């Protein structure tokens, strides 16, 4: 991958790692360099818990970088304000897990965020490009990733961990400069801001207890009544997982929820006979699960949103034809089709038979689709 590089200043690695240890100090630091975008990253653990456990916050303004313990960050009123402020640009890379952390840890829906992994794709650097690879490609520096999966909760952090943490933010502002220079040539600067905001807003509502069942794609073959049972089972698991702070799969795995909704057990014996159900789950949750099944079987399912089925064989053939139009638009714009028109989005277009009901293809995508829009709509109507 050869990418022309404008003259960009890369801040040197600091000789001494700066820690902010008081909330008031963090408040003042955040206002110390107005007008500069804030570079941001987090380290956390999420192996045996429902919620991610914050381990570290990394922040940068200009050439100044600092590390902050979660306890200090959560006590800083200004930190919370800045994260939620749409007027303050925050630069992140592959930001989905960071945004989930802020949502679950601080109850904040971050605004004004810019995901430079999305920006890299829009600028022609490739889809889902890893941070370390992008750093090496742009700046010729190889990052030490040996501590990526290390313990970020315990203190003190090693020197290697601290330097890794700073390197995870040190290149973000130069990346932003490179990305925006290339997007300006393509007239896509506003598109990156729009796409980052869309992604963040969509992520904020993704794990609603009422809609999470729609992500269990394997439940599409269930009847409407069975899917209503599944919805109630999934909502129960969300609450149970949160209450016990256990991962969803450690409460009850997706395939087992689908199996219960499919077989609709009416007794502990019938529940126990479902293949794969652990005896411990039956002992602990058996009565609760049976009550959920009974309630779902008698509830009105007429207004339920159903899980999207896979495409039929005929639709698969039509899908390939439809994708040709989107691929042409993406190639003309030199944007990966995986970002421009993901498969699930195109499947929904196939099922709706129109683009009109898809907000995803409005905004910057609609502009790039203009040359092929009549072809798309004509094909969908045929």
Protein backbone atom coordinates (compact mmCIF):
# COMPACT_ATOMS: atom_id res chain seq x y z
CA UNK A 1 0.00 0.00 0.00
CA UNK A 2 1.66 3.24 -1.16
CA UNK A 3 0.17 6.39 0.30
CA UNK A 4 1.53 9.86 -0.47
CA UNK A 5 2.35 11.62 2.78
CA UNK A 6 1.97 15.36 3.25
CA UNK A 7 4.52 17.00 5.56
CA UNK A 8 3.06 16.05 8.93
CA UNK A 9 4.51 16.61 12.38
CA UNK A 10 4.56 13.50 14.57
CA UNK A 11 5.04 14.27 18.28
CA UNK A 12 8.04 12.42 19.73
CA UNK A 13 7.55 9.80 22.39
CA UNK A 14 7.77 11.61 25.74
CA UNK A 15 10.81 10.92 27.92
CA UNK A 16 8.64 11.00 31.05
CA UNK A 17 5.06 9.70 31.14
CA UNK A 18 2.73 12.30 32.61
CA UNK A 19 -0.04 11.15 34.94
CA UNK A 20 -2.93 13.34 36.04
CA UNK A 21 -3.83 12.31 39.56
CA UNK A 22 -6.45 14.84 40.69
CA UNK A 23 -9.90 15.58 39.16
CA UNK A 24 -9.31 19.34 39.39
CA UNK A 25 -5.99 18.96 37.57
CA UNK A 26 -7.78 17.07 34.80
CA UNK A 27 -10.47 19.79 34.59
CA UNK A 28 -7.77 22.42 34.07
CA UNK A 29 -5.74 20.30 31.63
CA UNK A 30 -8.75 19.74 29.37
CA UNK A 31 -9.10 23.52 28.95
CA UNK A 32 -5.37 24.15 28.56
CA UNK A 33 -5.22 24.05 24.76
CA UNK A 34 -8.53 25.35 23.32
CA UNK A 35 -9.22 24.65 19.66
CA UNK A 36 -7.11 21.49 19.55
CA UNK A 37 -8.93 18.20 18.95
CA UNK A 38 -8.75 15.85 21.92
CA UNK A 39 -7.11 12.50 21.17
CA UNK A 40 -8.64 9.73 23.21
CA UNK A 41 -8.27 6.04 23.96
CA UNK A 42 -9.07 3.66 26.79
CA UNK A 43 -7.82 0.36 28.15
CA UNK A 44 -10.26 -2.00 29.86
CA UNK A 45 -11.04 -5.62 30.65
CA UNK A 46 -14.18 -7.55 29.77
CA UNK A 47 -13.70 -11.28 30.13
CA UNK A 48 -15.85 -12.43 33.02
CA UNK A 49 -18.17 -9.43 33.37
CA UNK A 50 -21.22 -8.02 31.61
CA UNK A 51 -19.85 -4.50 31.83
CA UNK A 52 -16.33 -3.54 30.76
CA UNK A 53 -14.03 -2.64 33.66
CA UNK A 54 -12.14 0.59 32.93
CA UNK A 55 -8.40 0.33 33.43
CA UNK A 56 -6.94 3.51 31.97
CA UNK A 57 -7.83 6.66 30.03
CA UNK A 58 -5.29 8.13 27.59
CA UNK A 59 -5.65 11.76 26.52
CA UNK A 60 -3.72 14.11 24.25
CA UNK A 61 -3.83 17.77 23.25
CA UNK A 62 -1.26 18.85 20.68
CA UNK A 63 2.11 17.42 21.77
CA UNK A 64 0.96 16.88 25.36
CA UNK A 65 -0.15 13.41 26.46
CA UNK A 66 -1.34 12.16 29.81
CA UNK A 67 -2.57 8.99 31.48
CA UNK A 68 -5.50 9.07 33.89
CA UNK A 69 -6.79 6.47 36.31
CA UNK A 70 -10.54 5.77 35.88
CA UNK A 71 -11.30 6.92 39.43
CA UNK A 72 -9.84 10.35 38.63
CA UNK A 73 -11.63 10.64 35.29
CA UNK A 74 -15.04 9.75 36.69
CA UNK A 75 -14.72 12.45 39.37
CA UNK A 76 -13.86 15.15 36.82
CA UNK A 77 -16.94 17.16 35.89
CA UNK A 78 -15.13 18.69 32.92
CA UNK A 79 -14.14 15.27 31.57
CA UNK A 80 -17.78 14.22 31.45
CA UNK A 81 -18.75 17.51 29.79
CA UNK A 82 -16.06 17.25 27.13
CA UNK A 83 -16.89 13.65 26.22
CA UNK A 84 -20.57 14.59 25.74
CA UNK A 85 -19.86 17.90 23.96
CA UNK A 86 -20.53 17.78 20.22
CA UNK A 87 -18.51 20.99 19.72
CA UNK A 88 -15.30 19.35 20.97
CA UNK A 89 -13.73 17.06 18.39
CA UNK A 90 -12.52 13.77 19.87
CA UNK A 91 -10.20 11.60 17.76
CA UNK A 92 -10.33 7.83 18.29
CA UNK A 93 -9.38 4.73 16.32
CA UNK A 94 -11.82 1.81 16.00
CA UNK A 95 -13.97 3.51 18.61
CA UNK A 96 -16.87 1.09 19.16
CA UNK A 97 -15.53 -0.50 22.36
CA UNK A 98 -14.46 2.87 23.76
CA UNK A 99 -17.95 4.26 23.21
CA UNK A 100 -19.50 1.22 24.87
CA UNK A 101 -17.20 1.78 27.85
CA UNK A 102 -18.28 5.41 28.26
CA UNK A 103 -21.92 4.38 27.96
CA UNK A 104 -21.71 1.60 30.53
CA UNK A 105 -19.15 3.15 32.86
CA UNK A 106 -20.19 6.81 32.96
CA UNK A 107 -23.64 6.72 31.37
CA UNK A 108 -22.43 9.08 28.63
CA UNK A 109 -23.31 9.04 24.94
CA UNK A 110 -20.13 10.55 23.41
CA UNK A 111 -20.64 13.30 20.84
CA UNK A 112 -18.25 15.00 18.45
CA UNK A 113 -16.30 11.78 17.94
CA UNK A 114 -14.30 11.02 14.79
CA UNK A 115 -13.25 7.44 14.08
CA UNK A 116 -9.99 7.49 12.16
CA UNK A 117 -10.34 3.84 11.15
CA UNK A 118 -13.45 4.91 9.21
CA UNK A 119 -11.48 7.91 7.97
CA UNK A 120 -8.66 5.66 6.74
CA UNK A 121 -11.14 3.62 4.71
CA UNK A 122 -12.72 6.74 3.22
CA UNK A 123 -9.28 8.09 2.36
CA UNK A 124 -8.32 4.97 0.41
CA UNK A 125 -6.06 3.27 2.96
CA UNK A 126 -8.18 0.11 3.23
CA UNK A 127 -11.12 -1.31 5.14
CA UNK A 128 -10.84 -2.18 8.85
CA UNK A 129 -7.15 -1.28 8.86
CA UNK A 130 -5.40 -1.98 12.17
CA UNK A 131 -3.91 0.95 14.08
CA UNK A 132 -0.38 -0.44 14.27
CA UNK A 133 -0.30 -1.24 10.57
CA UNK A 134 -1.57 2.23 9.67
CA UNK A 135 1.07 3.83 11.91
CA UNK A 136 3.80 1.79 10.24
CA UNK A 137 2.49 2.59 6.76
CA UNK A 138 2.21 6.32 7.35
CA UNK A 139 5.08 7.05 9.70
CA UNK A 140 7.44 4.08 9.44
CA UNK A 141 7.30 3.32 13.18
CA UNK A 142 6.70 -0.20 14.48
CA UNK A 143 4.64 -0.33 17.66
CA UNK A 144 5.29 -2.79 20.46
CA UNK A 145 2.04 -4.78 20.88
CA UNK A 146 3.31 -7.29 23.44
CA UNK A 147 1.35 -5.71 26.31
CA UNK A 148 -1.93 -5.31 24.43
CA UNK A 149 -3.66 -8.04 26.45
CA UNK A 150 -1.90 -7.35 29.72
CA UNK A 151 -3.54 -6.50 33.05
CA UNK A 152 -4.69 -2.87 32.87
CA UNK A 153 -6.53 -2.95 36.21
CA UNK A 154 -3.67 -3.63 38.62
CA UNK A 155 -1.21 -0.94 39.65
CA UNK A 156 1.48 0.06 39.10
CA UNK A 157 1.54 -0.27 35.32
CA UNK A 158 4.88 -1.30 33.86
CA UNK A 159 6.98 1.14 31.84
CA UNK A 160 6.15 -0.93 28.72
CA UNK A 161 2.42 -0.60 29.42
CA UNK A 162 2.67 3.14 29.93
CA UNK A 163 4.62 3.67 26.73
CA UNK A 164 2.25 1.44 24.80
CA UNK A 165 -0.68 3.48 26.17
CA UNK A 166 0.88 6.75 25.00
CA UNK A 167 1.74 5.29 21.58
CA UNK A 168 -1.93 4.38 21.19
CA UNK A 169 -2.78 8.10 21.09
CA UNK A 170 0.47 9.75 19.94
CA UNK A 171 -0.22 9.22 16.25
CA UNK A 172 -3.92 10.09 16.20
CA UNK A 173 -3.59 13.81 15.48
CA UNK A 174 -1.06 13.24 12.63
CA UNK A 175 -3.37 10.53 11.26
CA UNK A 176 -6.24 12.99 11.39
CA UNK A 177 -4.19 15.51 9.43
CA UNK A 178 -3.37 12.91 6.78
CA UNK A 179 -6.93 11.63 6.56
CA UNK A 180 -8.46 15.09 6.28
CA UNK A 181 -5.97 16.13 3.59
CA UNK A 182 -6.99 13.14 1.48
CA UNK A 183 -10.70 13.55 2.21
CA UNK A 184 -10.52 17.20 1.20
CA UNK A 185 -9.33 16.08 -2.25
CA UNK A 186 -12.40 13.82 -2.43
CA UNK A 187 -14.79 16.39 -0.91
CA UNK A 188 -15.56 13.95 1.89
CA UNK A 189 -14.42 15.83 5.02
CA UNK A 190 -18.02 16.31 6.20
CA UNK A 191 -18.79 12.69 5.30
CA UNK A 192 -16.33 11.42 7.92
CA UNK A 193 -17.95 13.54 10.62
CA UNK A 194 -21.40 12.40 9.49
CA UNK A 195 -20.46 8.72 9.37
CA UNK A 196 -18.74 8.82 12.76
CA UNK A 197 -21.80 10.48 14.33
CA UNK A 198 -24.15 7.97 12.68
CA UNK A 199 -22.05 5.08 13.95
CA UNK A 200 -21.94 6.49 17.49
CA UNK A 201 -25.69 7.17 17.58
CA UNK A 202 -26.50 3.70 16.26
CA UNK A 203 -24.18 2.08 18.79
CA UNK A 204 -25.84 4.00 21.64
CA UNK A 205 -29.16 2.24 21.06
CA UNK A 206 -27.83 -1.10 19.89
CA UNK A 207 -28.18 -3.01 23.15
CA UNK A 208 -31.70 -2.02 24.07
CA UNK A 209 -33.39 -4.80 26.03
CA UNK A 210 -36.41 -4.52 23.72
CA UNK A 211 -34.51 -4.99 20.47
CA UNK A 212 -31.50 -7.16 21.33
CA UNK A 213 -33.37 -10.32 20.23
CA UNK A 214 -33.20 -9.06 16.64
CA UNK A 215 -29.45 -9.72 16.73
CA UNK A 216 -30.05 -13.46 17.24
CA UNK A 217 -30.26 -14.10 13.52
CA UNK A 218 -30.59 -17.85 14.07
CA UNK A 219 -34.10 -17.29 15.44
CA UNK A 220 -35.55 -16.17 12.10
CA UNK A 221 -37.28 -19.54 11.45
CA UNK A 222 -39.32 -19.37 14.66
CA UNK A 223 -42.99 -18.46 14.44
CA UNK A 224 -44.07 -14.98 15.52
CA UNK A 225 -45.25 -16.37 18.86
CA UNK A 226 -41.97 -18.20 19.39
CA UNK A 227 -40.04 -15.04 18.51
CA UNK A 228 -42.05 -13.16 21.11
CA UNK A 229 -40.98 -15.78 23.65
CA UNK A 230 -37.40 -15.34 22.44
CA UNK A 231 -37.68 -11.57 22.86
CA UNK A 232 -38.79 -12.02 26.46
CA UNK A 233 -36.04 -14.55 27.14
CA UNK A 234 -33.40 -12.21 25.73
CA UNK A 235 -34.72 -9.28 27.78
CA UNK A 236 -34.58 -11.48 30.90
CA UNK A 237 -30.99 -12.44 30.12
CA UNK A 238 -30.02 -8.78 29.71
CA UNK A 239 -31.37 -7.96 33.14
CA UNK A 240 -29.85 -11.06 34.73
CA UNK A 241 -26.47 -10.40 33.13
CA UNK A 242 -26.46 -6.81 34.32
CA UNK A 243 -27.60 -7.73 37.83
CA UNK A 244 -24.93 -10.42 38.23
CA UNK A 245 -22.37 -8.58 36.03
CA UNK A 246 -21.85 -11.72 33.96
CA UNK A 247 -21.34 -12.00 30.18
CA UNK A 248 -24.48 -12.94 28.25
CA UNK A 249 -23.06 -16.30 27.23
CA UNK A 250 -22.21 -17.12 30.84
CA UNK A 251 -25.88 -16.65 31.78
CA UNK A 252 -27.40 -18.55 28.84
CA UNK A 253 -25.97 -18.83 25.32
CA UNK A 254 -27.85 -17.59 22.26
CA UNK A 255 -28.46 -21.09 20.76
CA UNK A 256 -30.02 -22.26 24.03
CA UNK A 257 -32.37 -19.26 24.16
CA UNK A 258 -33.45 -20.07 20.61
CA UNK A 259 -33.91 -23.75 21.53
CA UNK A 260 -36.15 -22.85 24.48
CA UNK A 261 -38.24 -20.54 22.30
CA UNK A 262 -38.49 -23.29 19.69
CA UNK A 263 -39.51 -26.10 22.05
CA UNK A 264 -41.60 -24.02 24.50
CA UNK A 265 -41.11 -26.31 27.51
CA UNK A 266 -44.00 -26.47 29.96
CA UNK A 267 -42.23 -28.23 32.82
CA UNK A 268 -38.83 -28.51 34.44
CA UNK A 269 -38.52 -31.98 32.95
CA UNK A 270 -39.13 -30.70 29.41
CA UNK A 271 -36.68 -27.84 29.99
CA UNK A 272 -34.03 -30.30 31.20
CA UNK A 273 -34.48 -32.41 28.08
CA UNK A 274 -33.47 -29.58 25.75
CA UNK A 275 -30.08 -30.57 24.36
CA UNK A 276 -27.23 -28.56 25.82
CA UNK A 277 -29.09 -26.99 28.77
CA UNK A 278 -26.76 -27.19 31.80
CA UNK A 279 -28.27 -28.74 34.92
CA UNK A 280 -27.09 -25.70 36.88
CA UNK A 281 -29.13 -23.40 34.66
CA UNK A 282 -32.24 -25.51 35.22
CA UNK A 283 -31.71 -25.44 38.98
CA UNK A 284 -31.03 -21.73 39.16
CA UNK A 285 -33.37 -20.34 36.49
CA UNK A 286 -35.79 -23.15 35.65
CA UNK A 287 -38.92 -21.66 37.20
CA UNK A 288 -38.19 -18.18 35.86
CA UNK A 289 -37.65 -19.53 32.34
CA UNK A 290 -40.89 -21.51 32.42
CA UNK A 291 -42.82 -18.43 33.54
CA UNK A 292 -41.30 -16.40 30.69
CA UNK A 293 -42.26 -19.08 28.16
CA UNK A 294 -45.82 -19.21 29.50
CA UNK A 295 -46.18 -15.41 29.39
CA UNK A 296 -44.80 -15.25 25.86
CA UNK A 297 -47.10 -17.99 24.61
CA UNK A 298 -50.23 -16.10 25.70
CA UNK A 299 -49.12 -12.55 24.78
CA UNK A 300 -50.20 -10.75 21.60
CA UNK A 301 -47.51 -11.10 18.93
CA UNK A 302 -49.30 -9.23 16.15
CA UNK A 303 -47.13 -6.09 16.33
CA UNK A 304 -43.81 -7.84 16.85
CA UNK A 305 -40.88 -6.91 14.62
CA UNK A 306 -39.61 -10.22 13.25
CA UNK A 307 -35.98 -11.27 12.90
CA UNK A 308 -34.85 -10.74 9.32
CA UNK A 309 -34.69 -14.05 7.42
CA UNK A 310 -31.76 -14.91 5.15
CA UNK A 311 -32.20 -14.23 1.48
CA UNK A 312 -33.89 -16.88 -0.63
CA UNK A 313 -31.98 -18.48 -3.48
CA UNK A 314 -33.66 -16.15 -5.98
CA UNK A 315 -32.92 -13.17 -3.77
CA UNK A 316 -29.29 -14.27 -3.56
CA UNK A 317 -29.04 -14.10 -7.33
CA UNK A 318 -30.73 -10.71 -7.40
CA UNK A 319 -28.50 -9.53 -4.56
CA UNK A 320 -25.40 -10.09 -6.69
CA UNK A 321 -26.89 -7.98 -9.45
CA UNK A 322 -27.93 -5.24 -7.05
CA UNK A 323 -24.51 -5.15 -5.44
CA UNK A 324 -22.94 -4.38 -8.82
CA UNK A 325 -24.48 -0.88 -8.76
CA UNK A 326 -23.27 -0.19 -5.24
CA UNK A 327 -19.84 -1.60 -6.02
CA UNK A 328 -19.53 0.71 -9.02
CA UNK A 329 -20.36 3.74 -6.88
CA UNK A 330 -17.91 2.65 -4.19
CA UNK A 331 -15.13 2.00 -6.68
CA UNK A 332 -15.69 5.35 -8.38
CA UNK A 333 -15.30 7.00 -4.97
CA UNK A 334 -12.42 4.65 -3.98
CA UNK A 335 -14.23 3.65 -0.79
CA UNK A 336 -14.36 -0.03 0.27
CA UNK A 337 -17.76 -1.51 -0.52
CA UNK A 338 -17.73 -3.15 2.94
CA UNK A 339 -18.01 0.35 4.44
CA UNK A 340 -20.10 1.92 1.72
CA UNK A 341 -22.72 -0.81 1.43
CA UNK A 342 -22.41 -3.62 4.03
CA UNK A 343 -24.14 -6.88 3.19
CA UNK A 344 -26.81 -6.63 5.90
CA UNK A 345 -27.77 -3.17 4.67
CA UNK A 346 -28.11 -4.41 1.11
CA UNK A 347 -30.13 -7.42 2.22
CA UNK A 348 -32.57 -5.04 3.88
CA UNK A 349 -32.81 -3.03 0.66
CA UNK A 350 -33.56 -6.27 -1.21
CA UNK A 351 -36.35 -7.11 1.22
CA UNK A 352 -37.84 -3.60 1.29
CA UNK A 353 -37.55 -3.27 -2.52
CA UNK A 354 -36.56 0.39 -2.17
CA UNK A 355 -33.87 2.67 -0.80
CA UNK A 356 -36.45 5.14 0.46
CA UNK A 357 -36.84 3.40 3.82
CA UNK A 358 -33.10 3.13 4.47
CA UNK A 359 -31.66 6.12 6.33
CA UNK A 360 -28.29 4.43 6.00
CA UNK A 361 -28.15 5.33 2.31
CA UNK A 362 -29.03 8.98 2.83
CA UNK A 363 -26.50 11.75 3.48
CA UNK A 364 -23.02 11.33 1.97
CA UNK A 365 -23.87 7.91 0.52
CA UNK A 366 -26.85 9.31 -1.38
CA UNK A 367 -24.59 11.86 -3.06
CA UNK A 368 -22.18 9.17 -4.25
CA UNK A 369 -25.06 6.97 -5.39
CA UNK A 370 -26.61 9.66 -7.60
CA UNK A 371 -25.01 8.39 -10.86
CA UNK A 372 -26.46 4.89 -10.34
CA UNK A 373 -29.60 5.70 -8.36
CA UNK A 374 -31.99 5.35 -11.30
CA UNK A 375 -30.41 1.98 -12.14
CA UNK A 376 -30.87 0.79 -8.55
CA UNK A 377 -34.49 1.88 -8.26
CA UNK A 378 -35.27 0.47 -11.70
CA UNK A 379 -33.74 -2.87 -10.78
CA UNK A 380 -35.64 -3.05 -7.48
CA UNK A 381 -38.93 -2.42 -9.26
CA UNK A 382 -38.28 -5.03 -11.93
